Amino acid sequence: MESTGVVKSMKDFYWDIRPKPEYGTIELRVCDTPLTVERAAGLACYLQALCRHLLQRTEPMPAEDDYLVYTYNRFQACRFGLDGMMVNPKTREQISIREDILATLRVLQPHAQALNSLAALDEIERTAGQEGNHATWLRQRFAEHGSVQGVVRSAADLLRL
């Protein structure tokens, strides 16, 4: 793609997941707006355990038709967060994103244990279970303060804790 002039580097690919050749890693878009180190670490450990699980190749390979619901699922996640609904591409059943994350956490337990990150997954379970994510927290601060300045002040206060 570089030779065609369409892209200059991997940074020109706007995917939800993309290779990062200079580090030998993959880059995943942030799934929340982490406002604490604990939440950011929890997300990183969740994704690390998920990658470890996927590397075992116990899941069936995606079929082309599996991608038919991708845009719908992505929109639901972006617009409604944990309260969005997603369609399982294999079963065609709908489940809340919150429920899917909690079910995935159960699958990832052995991987988190092997990676010594069970405590970090507890953070994700609390987030998906009862606390809610930081994007929701930011919306609540906006409703409370009625201004972006109030949201920024609240977020900065939380980051200082």
N, C-alpha and C. Protein backbone atom coordinates (compact mmCIF):
# COMPACT_ATOMS: atom_id res chain seq x y z
N MET A 1 0.82 -1.19 0.00
CA MET A 1 0.00 0.00 0.00
C MET A 1 0.87 1.26 0.00
N GLU A 2 2.06 1.15 0.62
CA GLU A 2 2.93 2.32 0.63
C GLU A 2 3.35 2.71 -0.78
N SER A 3 3.63 1.70 -1.62
CA SER A 3 4.10 2.00 -2.97
C SER A 3 3.04 2.69 -3.82
N THR A 4 1.78 2.54 -3.47
CA THR A 4 0.71 3.20 -4.22
C THR A 4 0.49 4.64 -3.77
N GLY A 5 1.06 5.00 -2.62
CA GLY A 5 0.87 6.33 -2.08
C GLY A 5 -0.41 6.48 -1.27
N VAL A 6 -1.16 5.37 -1.13
CA VAL A 6 -2.42 5.42 -0.37
C VAL A 6 -2.13 5.60 1.11
N VAL A 7 -1.08 4.97 1.61
CA VAL A 7 -0.69 5.10 3.01
C VAL A 7 0.80 5.38 3.07
N LYS A 8 1.19 6.06 4.14
CA LYS A 8 2.62 6.32 4.36
C LYS A 8 3.18 5.40 5.43
N SER A 9 2.31 4.96 6.35
CA SER A 9 2.76 4.05 7.41
C SER A 9 1.55 3.32 7.98
N MET A 10 1.80 2.41 8.92
CA MET A 10 0.72 1.68 9.56
C MET A 10 -0.25 2.62 10.28
N LYS A 11 0.22 3.80 10.66
CA LYS A 11 -0.64 4.76 11.35
C LYS A 11 -1.81 5.22 10.49
N ASP A 12 -1.70 5.02 9.17
CA ASP A 12 -2.77 5.43 8.28
C ASP A 12 -3.92 4.43 8.22
N PHE A 13 -3.76 3.28 8.86
CA PHE A 13 -4.83 2.29 8.92
C PHE A 13 -5.63 2.55 10.19
N TYR A 14 -6.89 2.84 10.02
CA TYR A 14 -7.76 3.15 11.16
C TYR A 14 -8.65 1.95 11.46
N TRP A 15 -8.06 0.94 12.04
CA TRP A 15 -8.76 -0.27 12.40
C TRP A 15 -8.95 -0.29 13.90
N ASP A 16 -9.84 -1.17 14.34
CA ASP A 16 -10.01 -1.38 15.78
C ASP A 16 -8.84 -2.17 16.34
N ILE A 17 -8.20 -2.92 15.49
CA ILE A 17 -7.01 -3.68 15.88
C ILE A 17 -6.08 -3.66 14.67
N ARG A 18 -4.79 -3.43 14.92
CA ARG A 18 -3.84 -3.40 13.82
C ARG A 18 -2.46 -3.82 14.32
N PRO A 19 -1.65 -4.37 13.41
CA PRO A 19 -0.30 -4.74 13.81
C PRO A 19 0.54 -3.50 14.11
N LYS A 20 1.48 -3.66 14.97
CA LYS A 20 2.44 -2.60 15.32
C LYS A 20 3.84 -3.20 15.09
N PRO A 21 4.26 -3.27 13.81
CA PRO A 21 5.49 -4.00 13.47
C PRO A 21 6.74 -3.52 14.20
N GLU A 22 6.83 -2.21 14.46
CA GLU A 22 8.05 -1.72 15.11
C GLU A 22 8.23 -2.25 16.52
N TYR A 23 7.12 -2.72 17.15
CA TYR A 23 7.21 -3.29 18.49
C TYR A 23 6.95 -4.79 18.50
N GLY A 24 6.56 -5.34 17.36
CA GLY A 24 6.23 -6.76 17.32
C GLY A 24 4.97 -7.08 18.09
N THR A 25 4.03 -6.12 18.14
CA THR A 25 2.81 -6.29 18.91
C THR A 25 1.59 -5.97 18.04
N ILE A 26 0.43 -6.05 18.65
CA ILE A 26 -0.78 -5.56 18.02
C ILE A 26 -1.29 -4.40 18.85
N GLU A 27 -2.01 -3.51 18.21
CA GLU A 27 -2.55 -2.33 18.87
C GLU A 27 -4.07 -2.45 18.87
N LEU A 28 -4.66 -2.29 20.03
CA LEU A 28 -6.11 -2.36 20.17
C LEU A 28 -6.62 -1.01 20.61
N ARG A 29 -7.75 -0.59 20.04
CA ARG A 29 -8.34 0.67 20.47
C ARG A 29 -8.83 0.52 21.89
N VAL A 30 -8.81 1.60 22.63
CA VAL A 30 -9.25 1.59 24.01
C VAL A 30 -10.74 1.29 24.07
N CYS A 31 -11.12 0.43 24.99
CA CYS A 31 -12.51 -0.01 25.11
C CYS A 31 -13.30 0.84 26.08
N ASP A 32 -12.69 1.79 26.71
CA ASP A 32 -13.34 2.62 27.71
C ASP A 32 -12.53 3.91 27.77
N THR A 33 -12.87 4.75 28.67
CA THR A 33 -12.12 5.97 28.91
C THR A 33 -11.49 5.81 30.29
N PRO A 34 -10.37 5.09 30.39
CA PRO A 34 -9.82 4.82 31.72
C PRO A 34 -9.31 6.09 32.38
N LEU A 35 -9.83 6.37 33.56
CA LEU A 35 -9.44 7.56 34.31
C LEU A 35 -8.61 7.22 35.55
N THR A 36 -8.30 5.95 35.70
CA THR A 36 -7.43 5.54 36.81
C THR A 36 -6.41 4.54 36.26
N VAL A 37 -5.31 4.44 36.93
CA VAL A 37 -4.28 3.48 36.55
C VAL A 37 -4.83 2.06 36.67
N GLU A 38 -5.64 1.84 37.71
CA GLU A 38 -6.22 0.51 37.93
C GLU A 38 -7.10 0.08 36.76
N ARG A 39 -7.91 1.02 36.26
CA ARG A 39 -8.80 0.69 35.14
C ARG A 39 -7.99 0.45 33.87
N ALA A 40 -7.00 1.27 33.60
CA ALA A 40 -6.16 1.09 32.41
C ALA A 40 -5.42 -0.25 32.48
N ALA A 41 -4.88 -0.58 33.66
CA ALA A 41 -4.18 -1.86 33.83
C ALA A 41 -5.16 -3.02 33.69
N GLY A 42 -6.37 -2.86 34.23
CA GLY A 42 -7.38 -3.91 34.11
C GLY A 42 -7.71 -4.19 32.65
N LEU A 43 -7.89 -3.13 31.87
CA LEU A 43 -8.17 -3.30 30.44
C LEU A 43 -7.00 -3.98 29.72
N ALA A 44 -5.79 -3.56 30.05
CA ALA A 44 -4.61 -4.16 29.42
C ALA A 44 -4.52 -5.65 29.76
N CYS A 45 -4.78 -6.00 31.01
CA CYS A 45 -4.71 -7.41 31.42
C CYS A 45 -5.84 -8.23 30.80
N TYR A 46 -7.02 -7.63 30.69
CA TYR A 46 -8.15 -8.30 30.03
C TYR A 46 -7.77 -8.63 28.59
N LEU A 47 -7.22 -7.67 27.88
CA LEU A 47 -6.84 -7.88 26.48
C LEU A 47 -5.68 -8.86 26.35
N GLN A 48 -4.76 -8.82 27.30
CA GLN A 48 -3.64 -9.77 27.27
C GLN A 48 -4.15 -11.19 27.46
N ALA A 49 -5.05 -11.39 28.40
CA ALA A 49 -5.63 -12.72 28.63
C ALA A 49 -6.45 -13.17 27.43
N LEU A 50 -7.18 -12.24 26.82
CA LEU A 50 -7.97 -12.56 25.63
C LEU A 50 -7.05 -12.99 24.49
N CYS A 51 -5.96 -12.27 24.28
CA CYS A 51 -5.00 -12.65 23.23
C CYS A 51 -4.40 -14.02 23.52
N ARG A 52 -4.07 -14.29 24.77
CA ARG A 52 -3.52 -15.60 25.12
C ARG A 52 -4.52 -16.69 24.80
N HIS A 53 -5.78 -16.45 25.13
CA HIS A 53 -6.84 -17.42 24.82
C HIS A 53 -6.96 -17.64 23.31
N LEU A 54 -6.97 -16.56 22.55
CA LEU A 54 -7.12 -16.68 21.10
C LEU A 54 -5.92 -17.37 20.45
N LEU A 55 -4.74 -17.19 21.03
CA LEU A 55 -3.54 -17.84 20.48
C LEU A 55 -3.60 -19.36 20.63
N GLN A 56 -4.43 -19.86 21.53
CA GLN A 56 -4.57 -21.31 21.69
C GLN A 56 -5.41 -21.92 20.57
N ARG A 57 -6.08 -21.07 19.82
CA ARG A 57 -6.86 -21.47 18.66
C ARG A 57 -7.91 -22.53 18.97
N THR A 58 -8.57 -22.40 20.11
CA THR A 58 -9.67 -23.30 20.46
C THR A 58 -11.01 -22.79 19.93
N GLU A 59 -11.05 -21.52 19.58
CA GLU A 59 -12.27 -20.93 19.01
C GLU A 59 -12.31 -21.24 17.52
N PRO A 60 -13.51 -21.44 16.96
CA PRO A 60 -13.57 -21.65 15.50
C PRO A 60 -13.11 -20.40 14.76
N MET A 61 -12.47 -20.60 13.64
CA MET A 61 -12.03 -19.48 12.82
C MET A 61 -13.26 -18.72 12.32
N PRO A 62 -13.18 -17.41 12.26
CA PRO A 62 -14.33 -16.65 11.76
C PRO A 62 -14.63 -17.00 10.29
N ALA A 63 -15.91 -17.09 10.00
CA ALA A 63 -16.35 -17.27 8.62
C ALA A 63 -16.69 -15.89 8.07
N GLU A 64 -16.73 -15.77 6.76
CA GLU A 64 -17.00 -14.47 6.15
C GLU A 64 -18.32 -13.88 6.65
N ASP A 65 -19.35 -14.71 6.81
CA ASP A 65 -20.65 -14.22 7.27
C ASP A 65 -20.62 -13.69 8.71
N ASP A 66 -19.61 -14.09 9.49
CA ASP A 66 -19.50 -13.59 10.86
C ASP A 66 -19.34 -12.08 10.90
N TYR A 67 -18.78 -11.51 9.85
CA TYR A 67 -18.52 -10.07 9.80
C TYR A 67 -19.77 -9.25 9.46
N LEU A 68 -20.86 -9.94 9.12
CA LEU A 68 -22.09 -9.22 8.77
C LEU A 68 -22.64 -8.42 9.94
N VAL A 69 -22.41 -8.88 11.17
CA VAL A 69 -22.94 -8.18 12.35
C VAL A 69 -21.90 -7.26 12.99
N TYR A 70 -20.70 -7.22 12.43
CA TYR A 70 -19.63 -6.42 13.03
C TYR A 70 -20.00 -4.95 13.15
N THR A 71 -20.51 -4.36 12.08
CA THR A 71 -20.84 -2.94 12.11
C THR A 71 -21.93 -2.65 13.13
N TYR A 72 -22.93 -3.51 13.20
CA TYR A 72 -24.00 -3.35 14.19
C TYR A 72 -23.42 -3.44 15.60
N ASN A 73 -22.63 -4.46 15.87
CA ASN A 73 -22.05 -4.65 17.20
C ASN A 73 -21.15 -3.48 17.58
N ARG A 74 -20.36 -3.02 16.63
CA ARG A 74 -19.46 -1.90 16.90
C ARG A 74 -20.24 -0.63 17.22
N PHE A 75 -21.30 -0.37 16.45
CA PHE A 75 -22.13 0.80 16.73
C PHE A 75 -22.75 0.69 18.11
N GLN A 76 -23.29 -0.45 18.47
CA GLN A 76 -23.90 -0.64 19.77
C GLN A 76 -22.89 -0.36 20.89
N ALA A 77 -21.67 -0.86 20.72
CA ALA A 77 -20.63 -0.64 21.73
C ALA A 77 -20.26 0.83 21.83
N CYS A 78 -20.10 1.48 20.68
CA CYS A 78 -19.72 2.90 20.69
C CYS A 78 -20.83 3.78 21.23
N ARG A 79 -22.06 3.49 20.90
CA ARG A 79 -23.18 4.35 21.27
C ARG A 79 -23.70 4.08 22.68
N PHE A 80 -23.79 2.80 23.05
CA PHE A 80 -24.44 2.44 24.30
C PHE A 80 -23.50 1.81 25.33
N GLY A 81 -22.25 1.58 24.98
CA GLY A 81 -21.29 1.02 25.92
C GLY A 81 -21.74 -0.33 26.45
N LEU A 82 -21.61 -0.50 27.75
CA LEU A 82 -21.95 -1.77 28.39
C LEU A 82 -23.43 -2.13 28.23
N ASP A 83 -24.26 -1.13 28.02
CA ASP A 83 -25.69 -1.38 27.89
C ASP A 83 -26.11 -1.71 26.45
N GLY A 84 -25.17 -1.67 25.51
CA GLY A 84 -25.48 -2.02 24.13
C GLY A 84 -25.77 -3.50 23.99
N MET A 85 -26.40 -3.84 22.91
CA MET A 85 -26.70 -5.24 22.59
C MET A 85 -25.79 -5.67 21.44
N MET A 86 -25.36 -6.91 21.49
CA MET A 86 -24.56 -7.43 20.40
C MET A 86 -25.16 -8.73 19.90
N VAL A 87 -24.91 -9.02 18.66
CA VAL A 87 -25.38 -10.25 18.05
C VAL A 87 -24.20 -11.21 17.97
N ASN A 88 -24.38 -12.41 18.51
CA ASN A 88 -23.36 -13.43 18.39
C ASN A 88 -23.37 -13.90 16.93
N PRO A 89 -22.25 -13.76 16.22
CA PRO A 89 -22.27 -14.09 14.79
C PRO A 89 -22.51 -15.57 14.50
N LYS A 90 -22.20 -16.44 15.45
CA LYS A 90 -22.39 -17.88 15.23
C LYS A 90 -23.83 -18.30 15.52
N THR A 91 -24.38 -17.84 16.66
CA THR A 91 -25.71 -18.29 17.08
C THR A 91 -26.83 -17.35 16.63
N ARG A 92 -26.46 -16.11 16.27
CA ARG A 92 -27.42 -15.05 15.89
C ARG A 92 -28.27 -14.59 17.07
N GLU A 93 -27.88 -14.95 18.28
CA GLU A 93 -28.60 -14.51 19.48
C GLU A 93 -28.07 -13.17 19.94
N GLN A 94 -28.96 -12.37 20.54
CA GLN A 94 -28.55 -11.08 21.10
C GLN A 94 -28.26 -11.23 22.58
N ILE A 95 -27.25 -10.51 23.02
CA ILE A 95 -26.86 -10.49 24.42
C ILE A 95 -26.32 -9.09 24.70
N SER A 96 -26.46 -8.63 25.93
CA SER A 96 -25.90 -7.31 26.24
C SER A 96 -24.37 -7.40 26.24
N ILE A 97 -23.74 -6.31 25.91
CA ILE A 97 -22.28 -6.27 25.92
C ILE A 97 -21.77 -6.53 27.33
N ARG A 98 -22.49 -6.04 28.32
CA ARG A 98 -22.14 -6.29 29.72
C ARG A 98 -22.11 -7.79 30.00
N GLU A 99 -23.18 -8.50 29.60
CA GLU A 99 -23.26 -9.94 29.83
C GLU A 99 -22.15 -10.69 29.08
N ASP A 100 -21.85 -10.24 27.86
CA ASP A 100 -20.81 -10.89 27.08
C ASP A 100 -19.45 -10.73 27.74
N ILE A 101 -19.17 -9.54 28.26
CA ILE A 101 -17.89 -9.32 28.95
C ILE A 101 -17.80 -10.21 30.19
N LEU A 102 -18.87 -10.28 30.96
CA LEU A 102 -18.85 -11.12 32.17
C LEU A 102 -18.67 -12.59 31.81
N ALA A 103 -19.30 -13.06 30.73
CA ALA A 103 -19.12 -14.45 30.29
C ALA A 103 -17.69 -14.67 29.81
N THR A 104 -17.14 -13.69 29.09
CA THR A 104 -15.77 -13.80 28.59
C THR A 104 -14.78 -13.84 29.76
N LEU A 105 -15.05 -13.08 30.81
CA LEU A 105 -14.16 -13.10 31.98
C LEU A 105 -14.04 -14.51 32.56
N ARG A 106 -15.13 -15.25 32.57
CA ARG A 106 -15.08 -16.64 33.08
C ARG A 106 -14.17 -17.50 32.21
N VAL A 107 -14.23 -17.31 30.90
CA VAL A 107 -13.38 -18.06 29.98
C VAL A 107 -11.91 -17.68 30.17
N LEU A 108 -11.66 -16.42 30.50
CA LEU A 108 -10.30 -15.92 30.60
C LEU A 108 -9.63 -16.20 31.96
N GLN A 109 -10.37 -16.69 32.92
CA GLN A 109 -9.82 -16.92 34.26
C GLN A 109 -8.51 -17.72 34.25
N PRO A 110 -8.45 -18.88 33.56
CA PRO A 110 -7.19 -19.63 33.59
C PRO A 110 -6.03 -18.87 32.94
N HIS A 111 -6.33 -18.06 31.95
CA HIS A 111 -5.28 -17.28 31.29
C HIS A 111 -4.78 -16.16 32.22
N ALA A 112 -5.71 -15.52 32.89
CA ALA A 112 -5.32 -14.47 33.84
C ALA A 112 -4.51 -15.06 34.98
N GLN A 113 -4.89 -16.27 35.41
CA GLN A 113 -4.14 -16.92 36.48
C GLN A 113 -2.71 -17.21 36.00
N ALA A 114 -2.57 -17.71 34.78
CA ALA A 114 -1.24 -18.01 34.24
C ALA A 114 -0.41 -16.73 34.07
N LEU A 115 -1.08 -15.62 33.80
CA LEU A 115 -0.40 -14.34 33.60
C LEU A 115 -0.28 -13.54 34.90
N ASN A 116 -0.76 -14.11 36.00
CA ASN A 116 -0.73 -13.46 37.31
C ASN A 116 -1.48 -12.12 37.28
N SER A 117 -2.65 -12.12 36.63
CA SER A 117 -3.42 -10.88 36.52
C SER A 117 -4.88 -11.03 36.95
N LEU A 118 -5.15 -11.97 37.84
CA LEU A 118 -6.52 -12.16 38.31
C LEU A 118 -7.08 -10.90 38.98
N ALA A 119 -6.25 -10.20 39.74
CA ALA A 119 -6.72 -8.99 40.42
C ALA A 119 -7.15 -7.93 39.40
N ALA A 120 -6.43 -7.84 38.31
CA ALA A 120 -6.79 -6.86 37.28
C ALA A 120 -8.13 -7.22 36.63
N LEU A 121 -8.39 -8.51 36.45
CA LEU A 121 -9.67 -8.91 35.87
C LEU A 121 -10.81 -8.65 36.85
N ASP A 122 -10.51 -8.65 38.14
CA ASP A 122 -11.53 -8.28 39.13
C ASP A 122 -12.00 -6.84 38.89
N GLU A 123 -11.08 -5.97 38.49
CA GLU A 123 -11.42 -4.58 38.17
C GLU A 123 -12.41 -4.53 37.01
N ILE A 124 -12.19 -5.35 36.00
CA ILE A 124 -13.09 -5.39 34.84
C ILE A 124 -14.43 -5.98 35.24
N GLU A 125 -14.42 -6.97 36.09
CA GLU A 125 -15.68 -7.56 36.55
C GLU A 125 -16.50 -6.54 37.34
N ARG A 126 -15.85 -5.77 38.22
CA ARG A 126 -16.56 -4.72 38.96
C ARG A 126 -17.12 -3.67 38.00
N THR A 127 -16.34 -3.34 36.99
CA THR A 127 -16.77 -2.34 36.01
C THR A 127 -18.00 -2.83 35.25
N ALA A 128 -17.93 -4.03 34.74
CA ALA A 128 -19.04 -4.58 33.96
C ALA A 128 -20.22 -4.95 34.86
N GLY A 129 -19.92 -5.36 36.08
CA GLY A 129 -20.97 -5.81 36.98
C GLY A 129 -21.78 -4.69 37.59
N GLN A 130 -21.17 -3.91 38.48
CA GLN A 130 -21.97 -2.93 39.20
C GLN A 130 -21.48 -1.49 39.08
N GLU A 131 -20.19 -1.28 38.96
CA GLU A 131 -19.67 0.10 38.98
C GLU A 131 -19.98 0.89 37.72
N GLY A 132 -19.91 0.24 36.57
CA GLY A 132 -20.04 0.95 35.31
C GLY A 132 -18.69 1.47 34.86
N ASN A 133 -18.60 1.83 33.60
CA ASN A 133 -17.32 2.26 33.07
C ASN A 133 -17.12 3.76 33.26
N HIS A 134 -15.95 4.23 32.94
CA HIS A 134 -15.64 5.64 33.13
C HIS A 134 -16.34 6.54 32.12
N ALA A 135 -16.67 6.01 30.95
CA ALA A 135 -17.44 6.81 29.99
C ALA A 135 -18.80 7.17 30.60
N THR A 136 -19.43 6.21 31.26
CA THR A 136 -20.69 6.47 31.94
C THR A 136 -20.48 7.47 33.07
N TRP A 137 -19.40 7.33 33.81
CA TRP A 137 -19.08 8.25 34.90
C TRP A 137 -18.94 9.67 34.36
N LEU A 138 -18.27 9.82 33.20
CA LEU A 138 -18.11 11.15 32.59
C LEU A 138 -19.47 11.75 32.19
N ARG A 139 -20.36 10.92 31.64
CA ARG A 139 -21.70 11.41 31.28
C ARG A 139 -22.45 11.87 32.52
N GLN A 140 -22.29 11.13 33.62
CA GLN A 140 -22.95 11.52 34.87
C GLN A 140 -22.40 12.85 35.38
N ARG A 141 -21.11 13.07 35.25
CA ARG A 141 -20.52 14.35 35.68
C ARG A 141 -21.05 15.49 34.82
N PHE A 142 -21.26 15.23 33.52
CA PHE A 142 -21.80 16.28 32.67
C PHE A 142 -23.23 16.62 33.10
N ALA A 143 -24.02 15.61 33.41
CA ALA A 143 -25.39 15.85 33.87
C ALA A 143 -25.38 16.62 35.20
N GLU A 144 -24.42 16.31 36.04
CA GLU A 144 -24.29 16.96 37.34
C GLU A 144 -23.83 18.41 37.23
N HIS A 145 -22.83 18.67 36.39
CA HIS A 145 -22.22 20.00 36.29
C HIS A 145 -22.79 20.85 35.16
N GLY A 146 -23.32 20.18 34.13
CA GLY A 146 -23.90 20.91 33.01
C GLY A 146 -22.90 21.59 32.11
N SER A 147 -21.62 21.23 32.23
CA SER A 147 -20.61 21.85 31.38
C SER A 147 -19.44 20.91 31.17
N VAL A 148 -18.76 21.11 30.06
CA VAL A 148 -17.56 20.32 29.77
C VAL A 148 -16.47 20.66 30.79
N GLN A 149 -16.40 21.92 31.21
CA GLN A 149 -15.40 22.32 32.19
C GLN A 149 -15.57 21.54 33.49
N GLY A 150 -16.80 21.34 33.91
CA GLY A 150 -17.06 20.56 35.12
C GLY A 150 -16.64 19.12 34.96
N VAL A 151 -16.84 18.57 33.77
CA VAL A 151 -16.43 17.19 33.49
C VAL A 151 -14.91 17.07 33.56
N VAL A 152 -14.22 18.02 32.92
CA VAL A 152 -12.76 18.00 32.90
C VAL A 152 -12.21 18.14 34.32
N ARG A 153 -12.80 19.01 35.11
CA ARG A 153 -12.36 19.21 36.50
C ARG A 153 -12.55 17.91 37.30
N SER A 154 -13.69 17.27 37.14
CA SER A 154 -13.97 16.01 37.84
C SER A 154 -13.01 14.91 37.42
N ALA A 155 -12.76 14.82 36.11
CA ALA A 155 -11.84 13.80 35.61
C ALA A 155 -10.43 14.04 36.14
N ALA A 156 -10.00 15.29 36.15
CA ALA A 156 -8.65 15.61 36.67
C ALA A 156 -8.56 15.27 38.15
N ASP A 157 -9.62 15.55 38.89
CA ASP A 157 -9.64 15.21 40.32
C ASP A 157 -9.52 13.69 40.51
N LEU A 158 -10.23 12.92 39.68
CA LEU A 158 -10.18 11.47 39.79
C LEU A 158 -8.79 10.96 39.44
N LEU A 159 -8.16 11.53 38.45
CA LEU A 159 -6.83 11.10 38.05
C LEU A 159 -5.80 11.37 39.15
N ARG A 160 -6.04 12.37 39.96
CA ARG A 160 -5.10 12.73 41.04
C ARG A 160 -5.18 11.80 42.23
N LEU A 161 -6.25 11.05 42.36
CA LEU A 161 -6.40 10.15 43.53
C LEU A 161 -5.36 9.08 43.56
